[in-house]
Amino acid sequence: MIKELIPRPKSVFLKIKCLKCSNEQTVFQRGSSIIRCTICDEVLVEPSGGKGKIKGEIIQTLE
């Protein structure tokens, strides 16, 4: 078993599509604040102690 010298982070950025206006936005998976859509002000991510509660459609995972 080979040990990694630099460990990879456990969280990633996500590309999310707003269900109300179809705007695409990049957000952090473990956000600690409410993230709203920049167009229609709909809530996209709510903090939940660990990973955020996603309210939109996940389009892509950015690593």
N, C-alpha and C. Protein backbone atom coordinates (compact mmCIF):
# COMPACT_ATOMS: atom_id res chain seq x y z
N MET A 1 0.83 -1.18 0.00
CA MET A 1 0.00 0.00 0.00
C MET A 1 0.88 1.25 0.00
N ILE A 2 0.62 2.15 -0.94
CA ILE A 2 1.40 3.37 -1.07
C ILE A 2 0.66 4.49 -0.35
N LYS A 3 1.39 5.18 0.53
CA LYS A 3 0.81 6.29 1.27
C LYS A 3 1.01 7.59 0.49
N GLU A 4 -0.04 8.40 0.42
CA GLU A 4 0.05 9.68 -0.29
C GLU A 4 0.83 10.68 0.56
N LEU A 5 1.72 11.43 -0.08
CA LEU A 5 2.47 12.44 0.64
C LEU A 5 1.58 13.64 0.97
N ILE A 6 0.76 14.04 0.02
CA ILE A 6 -0.17 15.14 0.24
C ILE A 6 -1.58 14.59 0.11
N PRO A 7 -2.34 14.54 1.21
CA PRO A 7 -3.69 13.97 1.12
C PRO A 7 -4.63 14.87 0.32
N ARG A 8 -5.57 14.24 -0.37
CA ARG A 8 -6.57 14.97 -1.14
C ARG A 8 -7.67 15.47 -0.22
N PRO A 9 -8.26 16.62 -0.55
CA PRO A 9 -9.37 17.12 0.27
C PRO A 9 -10.60 16.23 0.13
N LYS A 10 -11.43 16.20 1.18
CA LYS A 10 -12.61 15.34 1.18
C LYS A 10 -13.84 16.03 0.60
N SER A 11 -13.74 17.32 0.35
CA SER A 11 -14.86 18.06 -0.22
C SER A 11 -14.46 18.66 -1.56
N VAL A 12 -15.46 18.94 -2.38
CA VAL A 12 -15.20 19.43 -3.73
C VAL A 12 -16.12 20.60 -4.04
N PHE A 13 -15.90 21.21 -5.19
CA PHE A 13 -16.80 22.23 -5.70
C PHE A 13 -17.82 21.55 -6.60
N LEU A 14 -19.05 22.06 -6.61
CA LEU A 14 -20.12 21.50 -7.43
C LEU A 14 -20.68 22.57 -8.35
N LYS A 15 -21.04 22.16 -9.55
CA LYS A 15 -21.75 23.05 -10.46
C LYS A 15 -23.23 22.69 -10.32
N ILE A 16 -24.04 23.67 -9.89
CA ILE A 16 -25.45 23.43 -9.57
C ILE A 16 -26.33 24.25 -10.49
N LYS A 17 -27.43 23.66 -10.92
CA LYS A 17 -28.41 24.34 -11.75
C LYS A 17 -29.62 24.69 -10.90
N CYS A 18 -30.03 25.96 -10.92
CA CYS A 18 -31.19 26.41 -10.16
C CYS A 18 -32.45 25.80 -10.78
N LEU A 19 -33.33 25.26 -9.94
CA LEU A 19 -34.54 24.64 -10.44
C LEU A 19 -35.58 25.66 -10.90
N LYS A 20 -35.46 26.88 -10.43
CA LYS A 20 -36.45 27.91 -10.76
C LYS A 20 -36.13 28.63 -12.07
N CYS A 21 -34.87 29.05 -12.26
CA CYS A 21 -34.53 29.87 -13.43
C CYS A 21 -33.48 29.23 -14.34
N SER A 22 -32.98 28.05 -14.02
CA SER A 22 -31.98 27.30 -14.80
C SER A 22 -30.61 27.97 -14.86
N ASN A 23 -30.32 28.87 -13.94
CA ASN A 23 -29.00 29.49 -13.86
C ASN A 23 -28.01 28.47 -13.29
N GLU A 24 -26.79 28.44 -13.83
CA GLU A 24 -25.75 27.53 -13.34
C GLU A 24 -24.78 28.31 -12.47
N GLN A 25 -24.43 27.72 -11.32
CA GLN A 25 -23.55 28.39 -10.37
C GLN A 25 -22.60 27.36 -9.76
N THR A 26 -21.38 27.78 -9.45
CA THR A 26 -20.40 26.91 -8.80
C THR A 26 -20.41 27.21 -7.31
N VAL A 27 -20.56 26.15 -6.49
CA VAL A 27 -20.62 26.31 -5.04
C VAL A 27 -19.70 25.28 -4.38
N PHE A 28 -19.33 25.53 -3.13
CA PHE A 28 -18.52 24.62 -2.34
C PHE A 28 -19.43 23.60 -1.68
N GLN A 29 -19.04 22.34 -1.68
CA GLN A 29 -19.88 21.26 -1.15
C GLN A 29 -20.15 21.41 0.34
N ARG A 30 -19.17 21.89 1.09
CA ARG A 30 -19.32 22.03 2.54
C ARG A 30 -19.44 23.50 2.94
N GLY A 31 -20.35 24.19 2.31
CA GLY A 31 -20.55 25.61 2.59
C GLY A 31 -21.10 25.83 4.00
N SER A 32 -20.68 26.90 4.65
CA SER A 32 -21.13 27.17 6.02
C SER A 32 -22.14 28.31 6.08
N SER A 33 -22.61 28.76 4.92
CA SER A 33 -23.63 29.80 4.89
C SER A 33 -24.64 29.48 3.78
N ILE A 34 -25.78 30.14 3.82
CA ILE A 34 -26.81 29.93 2.80
C ILE A 34 -26.32 30.54 1.49
N ILE A 35 -26.42 29.76 0.42
CA ILE A 35 -26.01 30.24 -0.90
C ILE A 35 -27.26 30.36 -1.75
N ARG A 36 -27.44 31.56 -2.31
CA ARG A 36 -28.63 31.85 -3.12
C ARG A 36 -28.25 32.03 -4.59
N CYS A 37 -29.21 31.81 -5.46
CA CYS A 37 -29.03 32.02 -6.89
C CYS A 37 -28.82 33.51 -7.13
N THR A 38 -27.89 33.83 -8.01
CA THR A 38 -27.59 35.24 -8.29
C THR A 38 -28.66 35.89 -9.16
N ILE A 39 -29.50 35.11 -9.82
CA ILE A 39 -30.52 35.65 -10.71
C ILE A 39 -31.86 35.82 -9.99
N CYS A 40 -32.38 34.72 -9.41
CA CYS A 40 -33.74 34.75 -8.85
C CYS A 40 -33.78 34.73 -7.32
N ASP A 41 -32.63 34.68 -6.66
CA ASP A 41 -32.53 34.71 -5.20
C ASP A 41 -33.11 33.47 -4.51
N GLU A 42 -33.24 32.36 -5.24
CA GLU A 42 -33.71 31.08 -4.67
C GLU A 42 -32.55 30.44 -3.89
N VAL A 43 -32.86 29.76 -2.79
CA VAL A 43 -31.83 29.10 -1.99
C VAL A 43 -31.33 27.86 -2.73
N LEU A 44 -29.99 27.78 -2.94
CA LEU A 44 -29.40 26.63 -3.62
C LEU A 44 -28.76 25.65 -2.65
N VAL A 45 -28.10 26.16 -1.60
CA VAL A 45 -27.43 25.32 -0.62
C VAL A 45 -27.69 25.87 0.78
N GLU A 46 -28.08 24.97 1.69
CA GLU A 46 -28.27 25.33 3.10
C GLU A 46 -27.23 24.59 3.93
N PRO A 47 -26.61 25.24 4.91
CA PRO A 47 -25.65 24.55 5.77
C PRO A 47 -26.36 23.54 6.67
N SER A 48 -25.68 22.41 6.93
CA SER A 48 -26.29 21.38 7.78
C SER A 48 -25.28 20.75 8.73
N GLY A 49 -24.25 21.49 9.07
CA GLY A 49 -23.25 20.98 10.00
C GLY A 49 -22.06 20.34 9.31
N GLY A 50 -22.27 19.63 8.23
CA GLY A 50 -21.20 18.99 7.47
C GLY A 50 -21.33 19.40 6.03
N LYS A 51 -21.74 18.47 5.20
CA LYS A 51 -22.01 18.81 3.81
C LYS A 51 -23.28 19.63 3.72
N GLY A 52 -23.33 20.54 2.78
CA GLY A 52 -24.49 21.38 2.61
C GLY A 52 -25.67 20.61 2.03
N LYS A 53 -26.88 21.04 2.35
CA LYS A 53 -28.09 20.44 1.80
C LYS A 53 -28.36 21.10 0.45
N ILE A 54 -28.21 20.35 -0.63
CA ILE A 54 -28.33 20.87 -1.99
C ILE A 54 -29.81 20.95 -2.37
N LYS A 55 -30.24 22.14 -2.82
CA LYS A 55 -31.63 22.35 -3.22
C LYS A 55 -31.78 22.41 -4.74
N GLY A 56 -30.70 22.40 -5.49
CA GLY A 56 -30.74 22.47 -6.93
C GLY A 56 -30.30 21.14 -7.55
N GLU A 57 -30.11 21.15 -8.85
CA GLU A 57 -29.69 19.94 -9.57
C GLU A 57 -28.17 19.99 -9.77
N ILE A 58 -27.48 18.93 -9.33
CA ILE A 58 -26.02 18.87 -9.49
C ILE A 58 -25.72 18.48 -10.93
N ILE A 59 -24.98 19.35 -11.62
CA ILE A 59 -24.64 19.12 -13.02
C ILE A 59 -23.28 18.44 -13.15
N GLN A 60 -22.31 18.94 -12.36
CA GLN A 60 -20.93 18.48 -12.49
C GLN A 60 -20.20 18.60 -11.18
N THR A 61 -19.27 17.67 -10.94
CA THR A 61 -18.39 17.74 -9.78
C THR A 61 -17.03 18.21 -10.27
N LEU A 62 -16.55 19.31 -9.70
CA LEU A 62 -15.26 19.87 -10.09
C LEU A 62 -14.21 19.51 -9.05
N GLU A 63 -13.17 18.82 -9.48
CA GLU A 63 -12.13 18.38 -8.53
C GLU A 63 -10.86 19.15 -8.72
